[in-house]
Amino acid sequence: AKPKKTRKKSTREYVPQYRSGAYAVLIALFEAEQSAGYCGYMHKAELQTAAQPHCDASFTIPEPGTYYTGWSIVSSLVRKGLVKRYSHPPKFALTETGSLLASQ
């Protein structure tokens, strides 16, 4: 039996590409966090609207030939611990780590 190759976990900090979906979501949540009337979270629709100006890809219409939109990355941001998703309908907020990354 061959020994399984284990992947080395990357120690590099995740930094989203400028004008990508991830970048736009982090910036939109950070800007909302800094505003006076912020209630602690954003719903999907308002987050998509706030993030769209920061992204080159559409958050609602997939790129031709794919199923992916700018919104597709949000589950990865949640998995990486940068964004919290909770409740039904879902509410989104930055984690402390996500807030630090967005402020850079």
PDB file of N, CA and C in Angstrom:
ATOM      1  N   ALA A   1       0.839  -1.189   0.000  1.00  0.00           N
ATOM      2  CA  ALA A   1       0.000   0.000   0.000  1.00  0.00           C
ATOM      3  C   ALA A   1       0.879   1.245   0.000  1.00  0.00           C
ATOM      4  N   LYS A   2       0.527   2.179  -0.865  1.00  0.00           N
ATOM      5  CA  LYS A   2       1.269   3.431  -0.928  1.00  0.00           C
ATOM      6  C   LYS A   2       0.890   4.326   0.246  1.00  0.00           C
ATOM      7  N   PRO A   3       1.866   4.973   0.848  1.00  0.00           N
ATOM      8  CA  PRO A   3       1.507   5.933   1.898  1.00  0.00           C
ATOM      9  C   PRO A   3       0.834   7.155   1.266  1.00  0.00           C
ATOM     10  N   LYS A   4      -0.187   7.662   1.935  1.00  0.00           N
ATOM     11  CA  LYS A   4      -0.914   8.813   1.416  1.00  0.00           C
ATOM     12  C   LYS A   4      -0.045  10.060   1.510  1.00  0.00           C
ATOM     13  N   LYS A   5      -0.076  10.841   0.449  1.00  0.00           N
ATOM     14  CA  LYS A   5       0.635  12.108   0.479  1.00  0.00           C
ATOM     15  C   LYS A   5      -0.250  13.136   1.180  1.00  0.00           C
ATOM     16  N   THR A   6       0.313  13.774   2.160  1.00  0.00           N
ATOM     17  CA  THR A   6      -0.450  14.807   2.847  1.00  0.00           C
ATOM     18  C   THR A   6      -0.033  16.163   2.317  1.00  0.00           C
ATOM     19  N   ARG A   7      -1.018  17.000   2.139  1.00  0.00           N
ATOM     20  CA  ARG A   7      -0.758  18.347   1.658  1.00  0.00           C
ATOM     21  C   ARG A   7      -0.316  19.227   2.809  1.00  0.00           C
ATOM     22  N   LYS A   8       0.696  20.032   2.553  1.00  0.00           N
ATOM     23  CA  LYS A   8       1.111  20.998   3.557  1.00  0.00           C
ATOM     24  C   LYS A   8       0.104  22.135   3.565  1.00  0.00           C
ATOM     25  N   LYS A   9      -0.365  22.482   4.731  1.00  0.00           N
ATOM     26  CA  LYS A   9      -1.306  23.589   4.828  1.00  0.00           C
ATOM     27  C   LYS A   9      -0.539  24.896   4.651  1.00  0.00           C
ATOM     28  N   SER A  10      -1.070  25.742   3.818  1.00  0.00           N
ATOM     29  CA  SER A  10      -0.427  27.012   3.529  1.00  0.00           C
ATOM     30  C   SER A  10      -0.468  27.920   4.749  1.00  0.00           C
ATOM     31  N   THR A  11       0.661  28.523   5.058  1.00  0.00           N
ATOM     32  CA  THR A  11       0.702  29.455   6.181  1.00  0.00           C
ATOM     33  C   THR A  11       0.519  30.890   5.700  1.00  0.00           C
ATOM     34  N   ARG A  12       0.439  31.049   4.380  1.00  0.00           N
ATOM     35  CA  ARG A  12       0.259  32.371   3.802  1.00  0.00           C
ATOM     36  C   ARG A  12      -1.131  32.896   4.105  1.00  0.00           C
ATOM     37  N   GLU A  13      -1.220  34.174   4.430  1.00  0.00           N
ATOM     38  CA  GLU A  13      -2.505  34.793   4.709  1.00  0.00           C
ATOM     39  C   GLU A  13      -3.286  34.969   3.403  1.00  0.00           C
ATOM     40  N   TYR A  14      -4.569  34.702   3.467  1.00  0.00           N
ATOM     41  CA  TYR A  14      -5.426  34.860   2.297  1.00  0.00           C
ATOM     42  C   TYR A  14      -5.662  36.340   2.041  1.00  0.00           C
ATOM     43  N   VAL A  15      -5.370  36.778   0.830  1.00  0.00           N
ATOM     44  CA  VAL A  15      -5.646  38.155   0.422  1.00  0.00           C
ATOM     45  C   VAL A  15      -6.386  38.083  -0.910  1.00  0.00           C
ATOM     46  N   PRO A  16      -7.646  38.519  -0.944  1.00  0.00           N
ATOM     47  CA  PRO A  16      -8.411  38.426  -2.193  1.00  0.00           C
ATOM     48  C   PRO A  16      -7.864  39.366  -3.262  1.00  0.00           C
ATOM     49  N   GLN A  17      -8.031  38.966  -4.495  1.00  0.00           N
ATOM     50  CA  GLN A  17      -7.581  39.766  -5.634  1.00  0.00           C
ATOM     51  C   GLN A  17      -8.426  41.044  -5.723  1.00  0.00           C
ATOM     52  N   TYR A  18      -7.769  42.138  -6.075  1.00  0.00           N
ATOM     53  CA  TYR A  18      -8.435  43.429  -6.219  1.00  0.00           C
ATOM     54  C   TYR A  18      -9.575  43.321  -7.242  1.00  0.00           C
ATOM     55  N   ARG A  19     -10.730  43.904  -6.898  1.00  0.00           N
ATOM     56  CA  ARG A  19     -11.929  43.925  -7.735  1.00  0.00           C
ATOM     57  C   ARG A  19     -12.572  42.546  -7.940  1.00  0.00           C
ATOM     58  N   SER A  20     -12.192  41.548  -7.122  1.00  0.00           N
ATOM     59  CA  SER A  20     -12.822  40.225  -7.197  1.00  0.00           C
ATOM     60  C   SER A  20     -14.076  40.228  -6.316  1.00  0.00           C
ATOM     61  N   GLY A  21     -14.854  39.156  -6.384  1.00  0.00           N
ATOM     62  CA  GLY A  21     -16.053  39.037  -5.559  1.00  0.00           C
ATOM     63  C   GLY A  21     -15.732  39.062  -4.074  1.00  0.00           C
ATOM     64  N   ALA A  22     -14.672  38.354  -3.683  1.00  0.00           N
ATOM     65  CA  ALA A  22     -14.276  38.303  -2.273  1.00  0.00           C
ATOM     66  C   ALA A  22     -13.861  39.691  -1.774  1.00  0.00           C
ATOM     67  N   TYR A  23     -13.081  40.380  -2.591  1.00  0.00           N
ATOM     68  CA  TYR A  23     -12.636  41.741  -2.248  1.00  0.00           C
ATOM     69  C   TYR A  23     -13.856  42.638  -2.039  1.00  0.00           C
ATOM     70  N   ALA A  24     -14.802  42.572  -2.970  1.00  0.00           N
ATOM     71  CA  ALA A  24     -15.982  43.428  -2.924  1.00  0.00           C
ATOM     72  C   ALA A  24     -16.829  43.167  -1.679  1.00  0.00           C
ATOM     73  N   VAL A  25     -17.017  41.888  -1.329  1.00  0.00           N
ATOM     74  CA  VAL A  25     -17.826  41.535  -0.151  1.00  0.00           C
ATOM     75  C   VAL A  25     -17.156  42.047   1.119  1.00  0.00           C
ATOM     76  N   LEU A  26     -15.850  41.841   1.238  1.00  0.00           N
ATOM     77  CA  LEU A  26     -15.134  42.302   2.429  1.00  0.00           C
ATOM     78  C   LEU A  26     -15.184  43.830   2.553  1.00  0.00           C
ATOM     79  N   ILE A  27     -14.963  44.529   1.445  1.00  0.00           N
ATOM     80  CA  ILE A  27     -14.980  45.995   1.469  1.00  0.00           C
ATOM     81  C   ILE A  27     -16.385  46.516   1.799  1.00  0.00           C
ATOM     82  N   ALA A  28     -17.412  45.917   1.188  1.00  0.00           N
ATOM     83  CA  ALA A  28     -18.796  46.361   1.440  1.00  0.00           C
ATOM     84  C   ALA A  28     -19.177  46.170   2.909  1.00  0.00           C
ATOM     85  N   LEU A  29     -18.815  45.026   3.477  1.00  0.00           N
ATOM     86  CA  LEU A  29     -19.123  44.783   4.895  1.00  0.00           C
ATOM     87  C   LEU A  29     -18.318  45.721   5.791  1.00  0.00           C
ATOM     88  N   PHE A  30     -17.069  45.981   5.424  1.00  0.00           N
ATOM     89  CA  PHE A  30     -16.226  46.878   6.214  1.00  0.00           C
ATOM     90  C   PHE A  30     -16.771  48.305   6.186  1.00  0.00           C
ATOM     91  N   GLU A  31     -17.165  48.765   5.000  1.00  0.00           N
ATOM     92  CA  GLU A  31     -17.729  50.116   4.881  1.00  0.00           C
ATOM     93  C   GLU A  31     -19.031  50.236   5.689  1.00  0.00           C
ATOM     94  N   ALA A  32     -19.843  49.191   5.647  1.00  0.00           N
ATOM     95  CA  ALA A  32     -21.099  49.203   6.409  1.00  0.00           C
ATOM     96  C   ALA A  32     -20.802  49.239   7.913  1.00  0.00           C
ATOM     97  N   GLU A  33     -19.788  48.470   8.321  1.00  0.00           N
ATOM     98  CA  GLU A  33     -19.374  48.402   9.726  1.00  0.00           C
ATOM     99  C   GLU A  33     -18.947  49.784  10.231  1.00  0.00           C
ATOM    100  N   GLN A  34     -18.335  50.570   9.369  1.00  0.00           N
ATOM    101  CA  GLN A  34     -17.838  51.893   9.742  1.00  0.00           C
ATOM    102  C   GLN A  34     -18.933  52.961   9.756  1.00  0.00           C
ATOM    103  N   SER A  35     -20.063  52.674   9.110  1.00  0.00           N
ATOM    104  CA  SER A  35     -21.136  53.679   9.025  1.00  0.00           C
ATOM    105  C   SER A  35     -21.909  53.767  10.343  1.00  0.00           C
ATOM    106  N   ALA A  36     -22.514  54.918  10.553  1.00  0.00           N
ATOM    107  CA  ALA A  36     -23.191  55.208  11.826  1.00  0.00           C
ATOM    108  C   ALA A  36     -24.424  54.330  12.059  1.00  0.00           C
ATOM    109  N   GLY A  37     -25.200  54.031  11.025  1.00  0.00           N
ATOM    110  CA  GLY A  37     -26.453  53.300  11.205  1.00  0.00           C
ATOM    111  C   GLY A  37     -26.336  51.786  11.080  1.00  0.00           C
ATOM    112  N   TYR A  38     -25.133  51.233  11.171  1.00  0.00           N
ATOM    113  CA  TYR A  38     -24.927  49.789  10.985  1.00  0.00           C
ATOM    114  C   TYR A  38     -25.565  48.999  12.118  1.00  0.00           C
ATOM    115  N   CYS A  39     -26.365  47.993  11.764  1.00  0.00           N
ATOM    116  CA  CYS A  39     -27.078  47.207  12.775  1.00  0.00           C
ATOM    117  C   CYS A  39     -26.345  45.920  13.163  1.00  0.00           C
ATOM    118  N   GLY A  40     -25.149  45.688  12.623  1.00  0.00           N
ATOM    119  CA  GLY A  40     -24.377  44.507  13.012  1.00  0.00           C
ATOM    120  C   GLY A  40     -24.362  43.412  11.966  1.00  0.00           C
ATOM    121  N   TYR A  41     -25.143  43.559  10.908  1.00  0.00           N
ATOM    122  CA  TYR A  41     -25.193  42.545   9.850  1.00  0.00           C
ATOM    123  C   TYR A  41     -25.786  43.154   8.584  1.00  0.00           C
ATOM    124  N   MET A  42     -25.664  42.402   7.473  1.00  0.00           N
ATOM    125  CA  MET A  42     -26.307  42.789   6.215  1.00  0.00           C
ATOM    126  C   MET A  42     -27.002  41.563   5.641  1.00  0.00           C
ATOM    127  N   HIS A  43     -28.158  41.771   5.011  1.00  0.00           N
ATOM    128  CA  HIS A  43     -28.834  40.688   4.301  1.00  0.00           C
ATOM    129  C   HIS A  43     -28.180  40.511   2.938  1.00  0.00           C
ATOM    130  N   LYS A  44     -28.430  39.368   2.307  1.00  0.00           N
ATOM    131  CA  LYS A  44     -27.805  39.049   1.024  1.00  0.00           C
ATOM    132  C   LYS A  44     -28.041  40.136  -0.026  1.00  0.00           C
ATOM    133  N   ALA A  45     -29.271  40.544  -0.224  1.00  0.00           N
ATOM    134  CA  ALA A  45     -29.593  41.509  -1.280  1.00  0.00           C
ATOM    135  C   ALA A  45     -28.884  42.840  -1.060  1.00  0.00           C
ATOM    136  N   GLU A  46     -28.890  43.341   0.186  1.00  0.00           N
ATOM    137  CA  GLU A  46     -28.234  44.631   0.432  1.00  0.00           C
ATOM    138  C   GLU A  46     -26.713  44.501   0.338  1.00  0.00           C
ATOM    139  N   LEU A  47     -26.183  43.343   0.700  1.00  0.00           N
ATOM    140  CA  LEU A  47     -24.739  43.114   0.572  1.00  0.00           C
ATOM    141  C   LEU A  47     -24.336  43.056  -0.901  1.00  0.00           C
ATOM    142  N   GLN A  48     -25.142  42.370  -1.711  1.00  0.00           N
ATOM    143  CA  GLN A  48     -24.854  42.306  -3.148  1.00  0.00           C
ATOM    144  C   GLN A  48     -24.878  43.705  -3.769  1.00  0.00           C
ATOM    145  N   THR A  49     -25.855  44.510  -3.403  1.00  0.00           N
ATOM    146  CA  THR A  49     -25.974  45.872  -3.930  1.00  0.00           C
ATOM    147  C   THR A  49     -24.785  46.736  -3.498  1.00  0.00           C
ATOM    148  N   ALA A  50     -24.381  46.602  -2.231  1.00  0.00           N
ATOM    149  CA  ALA A  50     -23.269  47.400  -1.711  1.00  0.00           C
ATOM    150  C   ALA A  50     -21.931  46.945  -2.286  1.00  0.00           C
ATOM    151  N   ALA A  51     -21.792  45.650  -2.580  1.00  0.00           N
ATOM    152  CA  ALA A  51     -20.525  45.104  -3.061  1.00  0.00           C
ATOM    153  C   ALA A  51     -20.317  45.294  -4.562  1.00  0.00           C
ATOM    154  N   GLN A  52     -21.404  45.393  -5.326  1.00  0.00           N
ATOM    155  CA  GLN A  52     -21.303  45.441  -6.787  1.00  0.00           C
ATOM    156  C   GLN A  52     -20.369  46.538  -7.320  1.00  0.00           C
ATOM    157  N   PRO A  53     -20.389  47.758  -6.791  1.00  0.00           N
ATOM    158  CA  PRO A  53     -19.476  48.789  -7.322  1.00  0.00           C
ATOM    159  C   PRO A  53     -17.989  48.474  -7.128  1.00  0.00           C
ATOM    160  N   HIS A  54     -17.681  47.551  -6.218  1.00  0.00           N
ATOM    161  CA  HIS A  54     -16.280  47.203  -5.926  1.00  0.00           C
ATOM    162  C   HIS A  54     -15.796  45.989  -6.721  1.00  0.00           C
ATOM    163  N   CYS A  55     -16.652  45.444  -7.592  1.00  0.00           N
ATOM    164  CA  CYS A  55     -16.336  44.186  -8.280  1.00  0.00           C
ATOM    165  C   CYS A  55     -16.524  44.319  -9.786  1.00  0.00           C
ATOM    166  N   ASP A  56     -15.627  43.674 -10.544  1.00  0.00           N
ATOM    167  CA  ASP A  56     -15.739  43.684 -12.005  1.00  0.00           C
ATOM    168  C   ASP A  56     -16.782  42.685 -12.509  1.00  0.00           C
ATOM    169  N   ALA A  57     -17.014  41.608 -11.754  1.00  0.00           N
ATOM    170  CA  ALA A  57     -17.991  40.586 -12.141  1.00  0.00           C
ATOM    171  C   ALA A  57     -19.353  40.920 -11.534  1.00  0.00           C
ATOM    172  N   SER A  58     -20.412  40.439 -12.161  1.00  0.00           N
ATOM    173  CA  SER A  58     -21.760  40.664 -11.642  1.00  0.00           C
ATOM    174  C   SER A  58     -22.022  39.753 -10.444  1.00  0.00           C
ATOM    175  N   PHE A  59     -22.793  40.239  -9.487  1.00  0.00           N
ATOM    176  CA  PHE A  59     -23.159  39.419  -8.332  1.00  0.00           C
ATOM    177  C   PHE A  59     -24.441  38.629  -8.592  1.00  0.00           C
ATOM    178  N   THR A  60     -25.120  38.901  -9.703  1.00  0.00           N
ATOM    179  CA  THR A  60     -26.390  38.220  -9.979  1.00  0.00           C
ATOM    180  C   THR A  60     -26.395  37.447 -11.290  1.00  0.00           C
ATOM    181  N   ILE A  61     -25.654  37.911 -12.292  1.00  0.00           N
ATOM    182  CA  ILE A  61     -25.645  37.255 -13.607  1.00  0.00           C
ATOM    183  C   ILE A  61     -24.306  36.548 -13.806  1.00  0.00           C
ATOM    184  N   PRO A  62     -24.318  35.218 -14.052  1.00  0.00           N
ATOM    185  CA  PRO A  62     -23.056  34.492 -14.238  1.00  0.00           C
ATOM    186  C   PRO A  62     -22.302  34.944 -15.495  1.00  0.00           C
ATOM    187  N   GLU A  63     -20.991  34.806 -15.439  1.00  0.00           N
ATOM    188  CA  GLU A  63     -20.168  35.091 -16.618  1.00  0.00           C
ATOM    189  C   GLU A  63     -20.578  34.121 -17.725  1.00  0.00           C
ATOM    190  N   PRO A  64     -20.510  34.536 -18.994  1.00  0.00           N
ATOM    191  CA  PRO A  64     -20.886  33.625 -20.087  1.00  0.00           C
ATOM    192  C   PRO A  64     -20.068  32.322 -20.043  1.00  0.00           C
ATOM    193  N   GLY A  65     -20.772  31.211 -20.131  1.00  0.00           N
ATOM    194  CA  GLY A  65     -20.114  29.906 -20.139  1.00  0.00           C
ATOM    195  C   GLY A  65     -19.831  29.336 -18.756  1.00  0.00           C
ATOM    196  N   THR A  66     -20.215  30.031 -17.689  1.00  0.00           N
ATOM    197  CA  THR A  66     -19.994  29.505 -16.336  1.00  0.00           C
ATOM    198  C   THR A  66     -21.271  29.643 -15.512  1.00  0.00           C
ATOM    199  N   TYR A  67     -21.222  29.057 -14.318  1.00  0.00           N
ATOM    200  CA  TYR A  67     -22.335  29.182 -13.378  1.00  0.00           C
ATOM    201  C   TYR A  67     -21.978  30.137 -12.251  1.00  0.00           C
ATOM    202  N   TYR A  68     -20.785  30.704 -12.288  1.00  0.00           N
ATOM    203  CA  TYR A  68     -20.280  31.476 -11.161  1.00  0.00           C
ATOM    204  C   TYR A  68     -20.549  32.970 -11.280  1.00  0.00           C
ATOM    205  N   THR A  69     -20.935  33.566 -10.150  1.00  0.00           N
ATOM    206  CA  THR A  69     -21.111  35.010 -10.061  1.00  0.00           C
ATOM    207  C   THR A  69     -20.128  35.519  -9.010  1.00  0.00           C
ATOM    208  N   GLY A  70     -20.095  36.797  -8.802  1.00  0.00           N
ATOM    209  CA  GLY A  70     -19.249  37.362  -7.755  1.00  0.00           C
ATOM    210  C   GLY A  70     -19.653  36.860  -6.376  1.00  0.00           C
ATOM    211  N   TRP A  71     -20.917  36.443  -6.250  1.00  0.00           N
ATOM    212  CA  TRP A  71     -21.438  35.963  -4.965  1.00  0.00           C
ATOM    213  C   TRP A  71     -20.920  34.572  -4.609  1.00  0.00           C
ATOM    214  N   SER A  72     -20.486  33.812  -5.596  1.00  0.00           N
ATOM    215  CA  SER A  72     -20.091  32.412  -5.392  1.00  0.00           C
ATOM    216  C   SER A  72     -18.992  32.231  -4.347  1.00  0.00           C
ATOM    217  N   ILE A  73     -18.185  33.238  -4.097  1.00  0.00           N
ATOM    218  CA  ILE A  73     -17.045  33.131  -3.196  1.00  0.00           C
ATOM    219  C   ILE A  73     -17.433  33.252  -1.724  1.00  0.00           C
ATOM    220  N   VAL A  74     -18.647  33.689  -1.426  1.00  0.00           N
ATOM    221  CA  VAL A  74     -19.026  33.960  -0.038  1.00  0.00           C
ATOM    222  C   VAL A  74     -18.881  32.730   0.855  1.00  0.00           C
ATOM    223  N   SER A  75     -19.240  31.544   0.362  1.00  0.00           N
ATOM    224  CA  SER A  75     -19.101  30.345   1.189  1.00  0.00           C
ATOM    225  C   SER A  75     -17.636  30.099   1.546  1.00  0.00           C
ATOM    226  N   SER A  76     -16.717  30.433   0.652  1.00  0.00           N
ATOM    227  CA  SER A  76     -15.286  30.301   0.951  1.00  0.00           C
ATOM    228  C   SER A  76     -14.857  31.302   2.016  1.00  0.00           C
ATOM    229  N   LEU A  77     -15.404  32.509   1.955  1.00  0.00           N
ATOM    230  CA  LEU A  77     -15.075  33.516   2.972  1.00  0.00           C
ATOM    231  C   LEU A  77     -15.575  33.065   4.346  1.00  0.00           C
ATOM    232  N   VAL A  78     -16.732  32.412   4.377  1.00  0.00           N
ATOM    233  CA  VAL A  78     -17.269  31.880   5.630  1.00  0.00           C
ATOM    234  C   VAL A  78     -16.366  30.752   6.127  1.00  0.00           C
ATOM    235  N   ARG A  79     -15.970  29.848   5.220  1.00  0.00           N
ATOM    236  CA  ARG A  79     -15.101  28.721   5.577  1.00  0.00           C
ATOM    237  C   ARG A  79     -13.735  29.198   6.080  1.00  0.00           C
ATOM    238  N   LYS A  80     -13.224  30.282   5.511  1.00  0.00           N
ATOM    239  CA  LYS A  80     -11.925  30.819   5.919  1.00  0.00           C
ATOM    240  C   LYS A  80     -12.020  31.643   7.209  1.00  0.00           C
ATOM    241  N   GLY A  81     -13.232  31.841   7.714  1.00  0.00           N
ATOM    242  CA  GLY A  81     -13.411  32.559   8.969  1.00  0.00           C
ATOM    243  C   GLY A  81     -13.334  34.069   8.836  1.00  0.00           C
ATOM    244  N   LEU A  82     -13.586  34.600   7.639  1.00  0.00           N
ATOM    245  CA  LEU A  82     -13.523  36.044   7.428  1.00  0.00           C
ATOM    246  C   LEU A  82     -14.905  36.691   7.512  1.00  0.00           C
ATOM    247  N   VAL A  83     -15.937  35.891   7.223  1.00  0.00           N
ATOM    248  CA  VAL A  83     -17.319  36.371   7.243  1.00  0.00           C
ATOM    249  C   VAL A  83     -18.162  35.398   8.055  1.00  0.00           C
ATOM    250  N   LYS A  84     -19.076  35.943   8.872  1.00  0.00           N
ATOM    251  CA  LYS A  84     -20.029  35.108   9.618  1.00  0.00           C
ATOM    252  C   LYS A  84     -21.332  35.080   8.844  1.00  0.00           C
ATOM    253  N   ARG A  85     -21.924  33.885   8.759  1.00  0.00           N
ATOM    254  CA  ARG A  85     -23.252  33.740   8.158  1.00  0.00           C
ATOM    255  C   ARG A  85     -24.126  33.056   9.195  1.00  0.00           C
ATOM    256  N   TYR A  86     -25.267  33.671   9.496  1.00  0.00           N
ATOM    257  CA  TYR A  86     -26.149  33.076  10.489  1.00  0.00           C
ATOM    258  C   TYR A  86     -27.595  33.469  10.209  1.00  0.00           C
ATOM    259  N   SER A  87     -28.515  32.790  10.870  1.00  0.00           N
ATOM    260  CA  SER A  87     -29.938  33.095  10.822  1.00  0.00           C
ATOM    261  C   SER A  87     -30.587  32.645   9.509  1.00  0.00           C
ATOM    262  N   HIS A  88     -31.907  32.760   9.469  1.00  0.00           N
ATOM    263  CA  HIS A  88     -32.651  32.487   8.245  1.00  0.00           C
ATOM    264  C   HIS A  88     -33.745  33.531   8.133  1.00  0.00           C
ATOM    265  N   PRO A  89     -33.798  34.384   7.154  1.00  0.00           N
ATOM    266  CA  PRO A  89     -32.886  34.477   6.010  1.00  0.00           C
ATOM    267  C   PRO A  89     -31.476  34.856   6.471  1.00  0.00           C
ATOM    268  N   PRO A  90     -30.470  34.438   5.692  1.00  0.00           N
ATOM    269  CA  PRO A  90     -29.089  34.635   6.131  1.00  0.00           C
ATOM    270  C   PRO A  90     -28.705  36.095   6.326  1.00  0.00           C
ATOM    271  N   LYS A  91     -27.938  36.294   7.385  1.00  0.00           N
ATOM    272  CA  LYS A  91     -27.363  37.611   7.676  1.00  0.00           C
ATOM    273  C   LYS A  91     -25.852  37.429   7.633  1.00  0.00           C
ATOM    274  N   PHE A  92     -25.154  38.440   7.146  1.00  0.00           N
ATOM    275  CA  PHE A  92     -23.707  38.359   6.995  1.00  0.00           C
ATOM    276  C   PHE A  92     -23.038  39.491   7.757  1.00  0.00           C
ATOM    277  N   ALA A  93     -21.905  39.163   8.388  1.00  0.00           N
ATOM    278  CA  ALA A  93     -21.124  40.160   9.114  1.00  0.00           C
ATOM    279  C   ALA A  93     -19.654  39.762   9.044  1.00  0.00           C
ATOM    280  N   LEU A  94     -18.776  40.738   9.207  1.00  0.00           N
ATOM    281  CA  LEU A  94     -17.341  40.442   9.228  1.00  0.00           C
ATOM    282  C   LEU A  94     -16.955  39.853  10.577  1.00  0.00           C
ATOM    283  N   THR A  95     -16.010  38.926  10.567  1.00  0.00           N
ATOM    284  CA  THR A  95     -15.399  38.472  11.808  1.00  0.00           C
ATOM    285  C   THR A  95     -14.284  39.455  12.132  1.00  0.00           C
ATOM    286  N   GLU A  96     -13.652  39.291  13.265  1.00  0.00           N
ATOM    287  CA  GLU A  96     -12.539  40.174  13.636  1.00  0.00           C
ATOM    288  C   GLU A  96     -11.404  40.048  12.616  1.00  0.00           C
ATOM    289  N   THR A  97     -11.127  38.810  12.198  1.00  0.00           N
ATOM    290  CA  THR A  97     -10.078  38.561  11.197  1.00  0.00           C
ATOM    291  C   THR A  97     -10.447  39.226   9.871  1.00  0.00           C
ATOM    292  N   GLY A  98     -11.689  39.087   9.452  1.00  0.00           N
ATOM    293  CA  GLY A  98     -12.157  39.691   8.219  1.00  0.00           C
ATOM    294  C   GLY A  98     -12.087  41.207   8.257  1.00  0.00           C
ATOM    295  N   SER A  99     -12.400  41.779   9.405  1.00  0.00           N
ATOM    296  CA  SER A  99     -12.340  43.220   9.571  1.00  0.00           C
ATOM    297  C   SER A  99     -10.902  43.727   9.461  1.00  0.00           C
ATOM    298  N   LEU A 100      -9.972  42.989  10.061  1.00  0.00           N
ATOM    299  CA  LEU A 100      -8.555  43.361   9.974  1.00  0.00           C
ATOM    300  C   LEU A 100      -8.068  43.308   8.534  1.00  0.00           C
ATOM    301  N   LEU A 101      -8.431  42.253   7.808  1.00  0.00           N
ATOM    302  CA  LEU A 101      -8.016  42.097   6.419  1.00  0.00           C
ATOM    303  C   LEU A 101      -8.611  43.201   5.548  1.00  0.00           C
ATOM    304  N   ALA A 102      -9.882  43.520   5.748  1.00  0.00           N
ATOM    305  CA  ALA A 102     -10.551  44.545   4.942  1.00  0.00           C
ATOM    306  C   ALA A 102      -9.989  45.939   5.194  1.00  0.00           C
ATOM    307  N   SER A 103      -9.488  46.158   6.390  1.00  0.00           N
ATOM    308  CA  SER A 103      -8.966  47.488   6.720  1.00  0.00           C
ATOM    309  C   SER A 103      -7.603  47.766   6.090  1.00  0.00           C
ATOM    310  N   GLN A 104      -6.946  46.745   5.591  1.00  0.00           N
ATOM    311  CA  GLN A 104      -5.596  46.914   4.998  1.00  0.00           C
ATOM    312  C   GLN A 104      -5.650  47.489   3.600  1.00  0.00           C
TER     313      GLN A 104
END
